[in-house]
Amino acid sequence: MSDRLVSRPKVEGFPLIGIGLLIVVTLVLAGYSAHQKREQARLEQVNIATSTPVMARLLVFKDGFAGDVDVIDASSGERLKPITGEAGFARTVLRTLARERIQKGGSPDEPFQLSRTQSDTLELLDPITGLRLDLGAFGPDQAKAFLPYLLQANDKKGTP
């Protein structure tokens, strides 16, 4: 064995205070972030409870011929214009909702509710899983993929 001493750097004074402050600030920010997330979730629950549909339509989406998505009005059984072509956003939304529904033991034959709320929000709700998507949150162009299905129902009733 060697009698040599190993020198270790000492952390004291300003560096030690800086490290301590960094740890405290990190903990405070993490706590604040967690608080904000809880508050946001609570507000979203309140918004969901108070968002009353102005227009709504129950729709069934099924895989169709050549990759199309058939759209059926659940109330009347009427076949609507299918979702064709790319329509990547609509397909992704429907695929995600269908996957969640199947994981929770639901049937793909049950309808989804497409609605416009008092706050002019276009929403797609899965009554089986309780998932609610604000389609406008993805941008106005994305919401337009679903809007015609709601407007068709409104036009047939003769209301603006």
N, C-alpha and C. Protein backbone atom coordinates (compact mmCIF):
# COMPACT_ATOMS: atom_id res chain seq x y z
N MET A 1 0.82 -1.19 0.00
CA MET A 1 0.00 0.00 0.00
C MET A 1 0.86 1.25 0.00
N SER A 2 0.30 2.22 -0.61
CA SER A 2 1.01 3.48 -0.71
C SER A 2 0.56 4.41 0.40
N ASP A 3 1.48 5.22 0.88
CA ASP A 3 1.16 6.17 1.92
C ASP A 3 0.70 7.52 1.34
N ARG A 4 0.48 7.50 0.06
CA ARG A 4 0.08 8.74 -0.60
C ARG A 4 -1.34 9.13 -0.22
N LEU A 5 -1.57 10.34 0.03
CA LEU A 5 -2.89 10.85 0.35
C LEU A 5 -3.60 11.25 -0.94
N VAL A 6 -4.88 10.92 -0.97
CA VAL A 6 -5.67 11.29 -2.14
C VAL A 6 -6.41 12.58 -1.80
N SER A 7 -6.25 13.53 -2.62
CA SER A 7 -6.86 14.83 -2.39
C SER A 7 -8.25 14.85 -3.05
N ARG A 8 -9.24 15.30 -2.31
CA ARG A 8 -10.60 15.43 -2.84
C ARG A 8 -10.96 16.91 -2.79
N PRO A 9 -11.66 17.36 -3.81
CA PRO A 9 -12.04 18.78 -3.78
C PRO A 9 -13.09 19.04 -2.71
N LYS A 10 -12.97 20.17 -2.09
CA LYS A 10 -13.94 20.55 -1.06
C LYS A 10 -14.98 21.46 -1.71
N VAL A 11 -16.23 21.16 -1.42
CA VAL A 11 -17.31 22.01 -1.91
C VAL A 11 -17.84 22.76 -0.70
N GLU A 12 -17.55 24.02 -0.70
CA GLU A 12 -17.99 24.85 0.42
C GLU A 12 -18.17 26.27 -0.08
N GLY A 13 -18.82 27.06 0.72
CA GLY A 13 -19.02 28.46 0.36
C GLY A 13 -20.06 28.61 -0.74
N PHE A 14 -19.77 29.48 -1.70
CA PHE A 14 -20.72 29.81 -2.76
C PHE A 14 -21.14 28.59 -3.59
N PRO A 15 -20.26 27.69 -4.03
CA PRO A 15 -20.70 26.52 -4.80
C PRO A 15 -21.70 25.66 -4.02
N LEU A 16 -21.48 25.48 -2.74
CA LEU A 16 -22.40 24.67 -1.93
C LEU A 16 -23.77 25.35 -1.83
N ILE A 17 -23.77 26.63 -1.64
CA ILE A 17 -25.03 27.38 -1.58
C ILE A 17 -25.75 27.30 -2.93
N GLY A 18 -25.00 27.42 -4.01
CA GLY A 18 -25.58 27.33 -5.36
C GLY A 18 -26.23 25.97 -5.62
N ILE A 19 -25.56 24.90 -5.23
CA ILE A 19 -26.10 23.55 -5.40
C ILE A 19 -27.36 23.38 -4.57
N GLY A 20 -27.33 23.86 -3.34
CA GLY A 20 -28.51 23.77 -2.47
C GLY A 20 -29.70 24.53 -3.05
N LEU A 21 -29.44 25.76 -3.54
CA LEU A 21 -30.51 26.54 -4.16
C LEU A 21 -31.06 25.86 -5.40
N LEU A 22 -30.20 25.28 -6.19
CA LEU A 22 -30.64 24.56 -7.40
C LEU A 22 -31.58 23.41 -7.03
N ILE A 23 -31.25 22.68 -6.00
CA ILE A 23 -32.09 21.55 -5.56
C ILE A 23 -33.44 22.07 -5.05
N VAL A 24 -33.43 23.13 -4.26
CA VAL A 24 -34.67 23.68 -3.72
C VAL A 24 -35.56 24.22 -4.85
N VAL A 25 -34.98 24.96 -5.78
CA VAL A 25 -35.76 25.51 -6.90
C VAL A 25 -36.35 24.38 -7.74
N THR A 26 -35.59 23.32 -7.97
CA THR A 26 -36.08 22.18 -8.75
C THR A 26 -37.27 21.53 -8.05
N LEU A 27 -37.18 21.33 -6.76
CA LEU A 27 -38.29 20.74 -6.02
C LEU A 27 -39.53 21.64 -6.02
N VAL A 28 -39.34 22.92 -5.87
CA VAL A 28 -40.47 23.85 -5.88
C VAL A 28 -41.14 23.86 -7.26
N LEU A 29 -40.36 23.89 -8.32
CA LEU A 29 -40.93 23.88 -9.67
C LEU A 29 -41.65 22.57 -9.98
N ALA A 30 -41.11 21.47 -9.53
CA ALA A 30 -41.76 20.17 -9.74
C ALA A 30 -43.10 20.13 -9.00
N GLY A 31 -43.13 20.62 -7.77
CA GLY A 31 -44.38 20.67 -7.01
C GLY A 31 -45.40 21.59 -7.66
N TYR A 32 -44.97 22.74 -8.14
CA TYR A 32 -45.86 23.67 -8.81
C TYR A 32 -46.43 23.06 -10.08
N SER A 33 -45.59 22.37 -10.84
CA SER A 33 -46.04 21.72 -12.07
C SER A 33 -47.09 20.65 -11.77
N ALA A 34 -46.88 19.86 -10.75
CA ALA A 34 -47.85 18.83 -10.36
C ALA A 34 -49.17 19.48 -9.94
N HIS A 35 -49.08 20.58 -9.20
CA HIS A 35 -50.28 21.30 -8.78
C HIS A 35 -51.05 21.83 -10.00
N GLN A 36 -50.34 22.40 -10.96
CA GLN A 36 -50.97 22.93 -12.17
C GLN A 36 -51.67 21.82 -12.96
N LYS A 37 -51.04 20.66 -13.06
CA LYS A 37 -51.64 19.54 -13.79
C LYS A 37 -52.93 19.08 -13.11
N ARG A 38 -52.91 19.00 -11.78
CA ARG A 38 -54.13 18.61 -11.05
C ARG A 38 -55.23 19.65 -11.26
N GLU A 39 -54.87 20.91 -11.22
CA GLU A 39 -55.84 21.98 -11.40
C GLU A 39 -56.42 21.96 -12.82
N GLN A 40 -55.57 21.72 -13.80
CA GLN A 40 -56.02 21.64 -15.20
C GLN A 40 -56.98 20.47 -15.39
N ALA A 41 -56.67 19.34 -14.80
CA ALA A 41 -57.54 18.16 -14.90
C ALA A 41 -58.89 18.46 -14.25
N ARG A 42 -58.89 19.16 -13.14
CA ARG A 42 -60.14 19.51 -12.47
C ARG A 42 -60.97 20.45 -13.34
N LEU A 43 -60.32 21.43 -13.94
CA LEU A 43 -61.03 22.37 -14.81
C LEU A 43 -61.60 21.66 -16.04
N GLU A 44 -60.86 20.71 -16.59
CA GLU A 44 -61.35 19.97 -17.74
C GLU A 44 -62.58 19.16 -17.37
N GLN A 45 -62.60 18.59 -16.17
CA GLN A 45 -63.78 17.85 -15.73
C GLN A 45 -64.98 18.78 -15.60
N VAL A 46 -64.76 19.99 -15.09
CA VAL A 46 -65.84 20.97 -14.98
C VAL A 46 -66.32 21.36 -16.36
N ASN A 47 -65.41 21.59 -17.31
CA ASN A 47 -65.78 21.96 -18.67
C ASN A 47 -66.58 20.86 -19.35
N ILE A 48 -66.18 19.61 -19.14
CA ILE A 48 -66.90 18.49 -19.74
C ILE A 48 -68.31 18.42 -19.18
N ALA A 49 -68.44 18.63 -17.88
CA ALA A 49 -69.75 18.56 -17.26
C ALA A 49 -70.66 19.69 -17.72
N THR A 50 -70.09 20.85 -18.05
CA THR A 50 -70.92 22.00 -18.42
C THR A 50 -71.03 22.20 -19.92
N SER A 51 -70.34 21.42 -20.73
CA SER A 51 -70.42 21.60 -22.18
C SER A 51 -71.67 20.88 -22.70
N THR A 52 -72.68 21.66 -23.00
CA THR A 52 -73.94 21.12 -23.47
C THR A 52 -73.96 21.12 -24.99
N PRO A 53 -74.27 19.97 -25.60
CA PRO A 53 -74.32 19.94 -27.06
C PRO A 53 -75.48 20.77 -27.61
N VAL A 54 -75.20 21.55 -28.65
CA VAL A 54 -76.21 22.29 -29.36
C VAL A 54 -76.74 21.41 -30.49
N MET A 55 -75.83 20.71 -31.14
CA MET A 55 -76.16 19.75 -32.19
C MET A 55 -75.40 18.47 -31.88
N ALA A 56 -76.03 17.35 -32.15
CA ALA A 56 -75.35 16.07 -31.92
C ALA A 56 -75.87 15.04 -32.90
N ARG A 57 -75.02 14.07 -33.21
CA ARG A 57 -75.40 12.98 -34.10
C ARG A 57 -74.63 11.74 -33.69
N LEU A 58 -75.34 10.62 -33.65
CA LEU A 58 -74.70 9.34 -33.34
C LEU A 58 -74.28 8.69 -34.65
N LEU A 59 -72.99 8.36 -34.75
CA LEU A 59 -72.42 7.81 -35.97
C LEU A 59 -71.68 6.51 -35.68
N VAL A 60 -71.81 5.57 -36.60
CA VAL A 60 -71.05 4.33 -36.54
C VAL A 60 -70.03 4.37 -37.66
N PHE A 61 -68.79 4.08 -37.34
CA PHE A 61 -67.71 4.06 -38.33
C PHE A 61 -67.25 2.62 -38.51
N LYS A 62 -67.22 2.16 -39.77
CA LYS A 62 -66.80 0.79 -40.06
C LYS A 62 -65.81 0.78 -41.21
N ASP A 63 -64.91 -0.19 -41.20
CA ASP A 63 -64.00 -0.35 -42.33
C ASP A 63 -64.81 -0.70 -43.56
N GLY A 64 -64.52 -0.02 -44.63
CA GLY A 64 -65.25 -0.24 -45.87
C GLY A 64 -64.36 -0.84 -46.94
N PHE A 65 -64.86 -0.79 -48.15
CA PHE A 65 -64.16 -1.35 -49.30
C PHE A 65 -62.97 -0.47 -49.67
N ALA A 66 -61.89 -1.09 -50.06
CA ALA A 66 -60.69 -0.41 -50.57
C ALA A 66 -60.13 0.61 -49.59
N GLY A 67 -60.21 0.33 -48.30
CA GLY A 67 -59.60 1.20 -47.30
C GLY A 67 -60.45 2.38 -46.88
N ASP A 68 -61.66 2.50 -47.44
CA ASP A 68 -62.55 3.59 -47.03
C ASP A 68 -63.09 3.31 -45.64
N VAL A 69 -63.61 4.35 -45.01
CA VAL A 69 -64.29 4.20 -43.73
C VAL A 69 -65.76 4.54 -43.97
N ASP A 70 -66.64 3.55 -43.81
CA ASP A 70 -68.07 3.77 -43.98
C ASP A 70 -68.60 4.51 -42.76
N VAL A 71 -69.47 5.48 -43.01
CA VAL A 71 -70.08 6.27 -41.95
C VAL A 71 -71.59 6.05 -42.01
N ILE A 72 -72.16 5.63 -40.90
CA ILE A 72 -73.58 5.30 -40.84
C ILE A 72 -74.24 6.09 -39.71
N ASP A 73 -75.38 6.72 -40.01
CA ASP A 73 -76.16 7.41 -38.99
C ASP A 73 -76.81 6.33 -38.13
N ALA A 74 -76.49 6.28 -36.84
CA ALA A 74 -76.97 5.22 -35.96
C ALA A 74 -78.48 5.31 -35.74
N SER A 75 -79.05 6.50 -35.80
CA SER A 75 -80.48 6.66 -35.55
C SER A 75 -81.33 6.16 -36.72
N SER A 76 -80.92 6.49 -37.95
CA SER A 76 -81.73 6.14 -39.12
C SER A 76 -81.18 4.95 -39.90
N GLY A 77 -79.92 4.60 -39.67
CA GLY A 77 -79.30 3.53 -40.45
C GLY A 77 -78.82 3.99 -41.81
N GLU A 78 -78.98 5.29 -42.10
CA GLU A 78 -78.59 5.85 -43.39
C GLU A 78 -77.08 5.84 -43.56
N ARG A 79 -76.65 5.40 -44.74
CA ARG A 79 -75.22 5.43 -45.07
C ARG A 79 -74.88 6.84 -45.56
N LEU A 80 -73.88 7.41 -44.95
CA LEU A 80 -73.43 8.75 -45.32
C LEU A 80 -72.21 8.62 -46.21
N LYS A 81 -71.74 9.75 -46.68
CA LYS A 81 -70.55 9.76 -47.54
C LYS A 81 -69.38 9.15 -46.76
N PRO A 82 -68.71 8.14 -47.33
CA PRO A 82 -67.59 7.52 -46.60
C PRO A 82 -66.37 8.44 -46.54
N ILE A 83 -65.51 8.15 -45.61
CA ILE A 83 -64.23 8.85 -45.51
C ILE A 83 -63.29 8.13 -46.46
N THR A 84 -62.86 8.83 -47.49
CA THR A 84 -62.02 8.21 -48.53
C THR A 84 -60.68 8.92 -48.63
N GLY A 85 -59.81 8.34 -49.39
CA GLY A 85 -58.52 8.96 -49.65
C GLY A 85 -57.63 8.97 -48.43
N GLU A 86 -56.78 9.99 -48.38
CA GLU A 86 -55.82 10.08 -47.27
C GLU A 86 -56.54 10.23 -45.94
N ALA A 87 -57.17 11.37 -45.72
CA ALA A 87 -57.91 11.65 -44.48
C ALA A 87 -57.19 11.08 -43.26
N GLY A 88 -55.91 11.34 -43.19
CA GLY A 88 -55.08 10.77 -42.13
C GLY A 88 -55.54 11.11 -40.73
N PHE A 89 -55.97 12.36 -40.53
CA PHE A 89 -56.39 12.76 -39.19
C PHE A 89 -57.63 11.98 -38.76
N ALA A 90 -58.64 11.93 -39.63
CA ALA A 90 -59.88 11.23 -39.29
C ALA A 90 -59.61 9.76 -39.01
N ARG A 91 -58.80 9.14 -39.85
CA ARG A 91 -58.48 7.73 -39.65
C ARG A 91 -57.74 7.49 -38.33
N THR A 92 -56.80 8.36 -38.02
CA THR A 92 -56.03 8.22 -36.79
C THR A 92 -56.92 8.37 -35.56
N VAL A 93 -57.80 9.36 -35.58
CA VAL A 93 -58.71 9.58 -34.46
C VAL A 93 -59.61 8.36 -34.26
N LEU A 94 -60.20 7.89 -35.35
CA LEU A 94 -61.12 6.76 -35.26
C LEU A 94 -60.39 5.48 -34.83
N ARG A 95 -59.20 5.27 -35.35
CA ARG A 95 -58.42 4.10 -34.97
C ARG A 95 -58.06 4.13 -33.49
N THR A 96 -57.68 5.30 -33.00
CA THR A 96 -57.33 5.44 -31.58
C THR A 96 -58.53 5.17 -30.68
N LEU A 97 -59.67 5.76 -31.02
CA LEU A 97 -60.87 5.55 -30.22
C LEU A 97 -61.32 4.09 -30.27
N ALA A 98 -61.24 3.47 -31.45
CA ALA A 98 -61.64 2.07 -31.58
C ALA A 98 -60.73 1.17 -30.75
N ARG A 99 -59.43 1.44 -30.76
CA ARG A 99 -58.49 0.64 -29.98
C ARG A 99 -58.80 0.74 -28.49
N GLU A 100 -59.05 1.95 -28.00
CA GLU A 100 -59.40 2.14 -26.59
C GLU A 100 -60.69 1.41 -26.24
N ARG A 101 -61.65 1.48 -27.15
CA ARG A 101 -62.93 0.83 -26.91
C ARG A 101 -62.77 -0.68 -26.82
N ILE A 102 -62.02 -1.25 -27.72
CA ILE A 102 -61.81 -2.71 -27.72
C ILE A 102 -61.05 -3.15 -26.47
N GLN A 103 -60.06 -2.36 -26.05
CA GLN A 103 -59.32 -2.68 -24.83
C GLN A 103 -60.21 -2.69 -23.60
N LYS A 104 -61.26 -1.87 -23.63
CA LYS A 104 -62.18 -1.82 -22.49
C LYS A 104 -63.36 -2.76 -22.66
N GLY A 105 -63.31 -3.63 -23.68
CA GLY A 105 -64.35 -4.63 -23.88
C GLY A 105 -65.56 -4.16 -24.63
N GLY A 106 -65.48 -3.01 -25.28
CA GLY A 106 -66.61 -2.48 -26.04
C GLY A 106 -66.66 -3.05 -27.45
N SER A 107 -67.77 -2.83 -28.10
CA SER A 107 -67.99 -3.32 -29.46
C SER A 107 -67.75 -2.21 -30.47
N PRO A 108 -67.14 -2.52 -31.60
CA PRO A 108 -66.93 -1.50 -32.63
C PRO A 108 -68.23 -1.09 -33.32
N ASP A 109 -69.31 -1.82 -33.08
CA ASP A 109 -70.59 -1.51 -33.72
C ASP A 109 -71.39 -0.45 -32.97
N GLU A 110 -70.94 -0.07 -31.79
CA GLU A 110 -71.63 0.96 -31.02
C GLU A 110 -71.31 2.34 -31.61
N PRO A 111 -72.27 3.26 -31.58
CA PRO A 111 -72.04 4.58 -32.18
C PRO A 111 -71.19 5.51 -31.32
N PHE A 112 -70.56 6.45 -31.99
CA PHE A 112 -69.86 7.56 -31.37
C PHE A 112 -70.79 8.77 -31.48
N GLN A 113 -70.62 9.73 -30.59
CA GLN A 113 -71.42 10.95 -30.67
C GLN A 113 -70.56 12.10 -31.17
N LEU A 114 -70.97 12.66 -32.29
CA LEU A 114 -70.32 13.86 -32.82
C LEU A 114 -71.22 15.02 -32.44
N SER A 115 -70.65 16.03 -31.79
CA SER A 115 -71.50 17.14 -31.33
C SER A 115 -70.77 18.47 -31.41
N ARG A 116 -71.57 19.52 -31.47
CA ARG A 116 -71.07 20.89 -31.38
C ARG A 116 -71.66 21.46 -30.11
N THR A 117 -70.81 22.03 -29.26
CA THR A 117 -71.26 22.53 -27.97
C THR A 117 -71.63 24.00 -28.03
N GLN A 118 -72.15 24.51 -26.92
CA GLN A 118 -72.51 25.93 -26.84
C GLN A 118 -71.31 26.83 -27.06
N SER A 119 -70.13 26.35 -26.72
CA SER A 119 -68.92 27.14 -26.90
C SER A 119 -68.34 26.96 -28.30
N ASP A 120 -69.14 26.41 -29.23
CA ASP A 120 -68.76 26.20 -30.63
C ASP A 120 -67.58 25.25 -30.78
N THR A 121 -67.51 24.27 -29.90
CA THR A 121 -66.46 23.25 -29.94
C THR A 121 -67.02 22.01 -30.63
N LEU A 122 -66.27 21.45 -31.54
CA LEU A 122 -66.67 20.21 -32.20
C LEU A 122 -66.01 19.06 -31.45
N GLU A 123 -66.83 18.15 -30.92
CA GLU A 123 -66.32 17.06 -30.08
C GLU A 123 -66.76 15.71 -30.62
N LEU A 124 -65.90 14.73 -30.44
CA LEU A 124 -66.24 13.35 -30.74
C LEU A 124 -66.15 12.59 -29.42
N LEU A 125 -67.28 12.01 -29.01
CA LEU A 125 -67.37 11.33 -27.72
C LEU A 125 -67.61 9.85 -27.94
N ASP A 126 -66.88 9.03 -27.20
CA ASP A 126 -67.12 7.60 -27.19
C ASP A 126 -67.89 7.30 -25.90
N PRO A 127 -69.19 7.04 -25.99
CA PRO A 127 -69.97 6.80 -24.78
C PRO A 127 -69.54 5.54 -24.02
N ILE A 128 -68.90 4.60 -24.70
CA ILE A 128 -68.47 3.36 -24.06
C ILE A 128 -67.29 3.61 -23.11
N THR A 129 -66.27 4.33 -23.59
CA THR A 129 -65.06 4.56 -22.78
C THR A 129 -65.10 5.89 -22.04
N GLY A 130 -65.96 6.81 -22.47
CA GLY A 130 -66.00 8.13 -21.87
C GLY A 130 -64.97 9.08 -22.45
N LEU A 131 -64.21 8.64 -23.45
CA LEU A 131 -63.22 9.52 -24.07
C LEU A 131 -63.92 10.60 -24.87
N ARG A 132 -63.45 11.83 -24.71
CA ARG A 132 -64.03 12.96 -25.42
C ARG A 132 -62.88 13.73 -26.07
N LEU A 133 -62.95 13.89 -27.39
CA LEU A 133 -61.91 14.61 -28.10
C LEU A 133 -62.46 15.93 -28.62
N ASP A 134 -61.76 17.01 -28.30
CA ASP A 134 -62.06 18.31 -28.88
C ASP A 134 -61.35 18.36 -30.22
N LEU A 135 -62.10 18.16 -31.30
CA LEU A 135 -61.49 18.06 -32.63
C LEU A 135 -60.87 19.38 -33.08
N GLY A 136 -61.40 20.49 -32.60
CA GLY A 136 -60.85 21.79 -32.95
C GLY A 136 -59.48 22.04 -32.34
N ALA A 137 -59.14 21.29 -31.29
CA ALA A 137 -57.84 21.46 -30.66
C ALA A 137 -56.70 21.04 -31.59
N PHE A 138 -57.03 20.25 -32.60
CA PHE A 138 -56.02 19.79 -33.55
C PHE A 138 -55.90 20.74 -34.74
N GLY A 139 -56.70 21.79 -34.72
CA GLY A 139 -56.68 22.78 -35.79
C GLY A 139 -57.98 22.77 -36.57
N PRO A 140 -58.35 23.92 -37.14
CA PRO A 140 -59.63 24.01 -37.85
C PRO A 140 -59.70 23.10 -39.08
N ASP A 141 -58.59 22.92 -39.76
CA ASP A 141 -58.60 22.04 -40.94
C ASP A 141 -58.87 20.60 -40.55
N GLN A 142 -58.39 20.18 -39.39
CA GLN A 142 -58.60 18.81 -38.94
C GLN A 142 -60.06 18.60 -38.56
N ALA A 143 -60.66 19.58 -37.92
CA ALA A 143 -62.06 19.47 -37.50
C ALA A 143 -62.99 19.39 -38.71
N LYS A 144 -62.57 20.00 -39.82
CA LYS A 144 -63.40 19.99 -41.03
C LYS A 144 -63.63 18.58 -41.56
N ALA A 145 -62.79 17.64 -41.19
CA ALA A 145 -62.98 16.26 -41.65
C ALA A 145 -64.26 15.66 -41.08
N PHE A 146 -64.70 16.12 -39.91
CA PHE A 146 -65.89 15.58 -39.26
C PHE A 146 -67.10 16.49 -39.37
N LEU A 147 -66.89 17.77 -39.58
CA LEU A 147 -67.98 18.74 -39.59
C LEU A 147 -69.11 18.42 -40.57
N PRO A 148 -68.85 17.96 -41.78
CA PRO A 148 -69.95 17.67 -42.71
C PRO A 148 -70.96 16.65 -42.18
N TYR A 149 -70.52 15.71 -41.37
CA TYR A 149 -71.44 14.70 -40.85
C TYR A 149 -72.42 15.29 -39.85
N LEU A 150 -72.02 16.32 -39.18
CA LEU A 150 -72.92 17.00 -38.24
C LEU A 150 -73.84 17.95 -38.99
N LEU A 151 -73.32 18.63 -39.99
CA LEU A 151 -74.11 19.59 -40.75
C LEU A 151 -75.17 18.88 -41.59
N GLN A 152 -74.88 17.69 -42.11
CA GLN A 152 -75.87 16.94 -42.90
C GLN A 152 -77.09 16.65 -42.06
N ALA A 153 -76.89 16.25 -40.82
CA ALA A 153 -78.02 15.95 -39.94
C ALA A 153 -78.83 17.22 -39.66
N ASN A 154 -78.14 18.33 -39.49
CA ASN A 154 -78.81 19.59 -39.19
C ASN A 154 -79.60 20.07 -40.41
N ASP A 155 -79.06 19.91 -41.62
CA ASP A 155 -79.75 20.32 -42.84
C ASP A 155 -81.04 19.54 -43.04
N LYS A 156 -81.03 18.25 -42.72
CA LYS A 156 -82.21 17.41 -42.92
C LYS A 156 -83.34 17.80 -41.97
N LYS A 157 -83.01 18.34 -40.82
CA LYS A 157 -84.03 18.74 -39.86
C LYS A 157 -84.60 20.10 -40.20
N GLY A 158 -83.93 20.82 -41.11
CA GLY A 158 -84.42 22.12 -41.54
C GLY A 158 -84.13 23.23 -40.56
N THR A 159 -83.15 23.03 -39.67
CA THR A 159 -82.78 24.09 -38.74
C THR A 159 -81.43 24.64 -39.12
N PRO A 160 -81.18 25.89 -38.83
CA PRO A 160 -79.90 26.49 -39.21
C PRO A 160 -78.73 25.97 -38.40
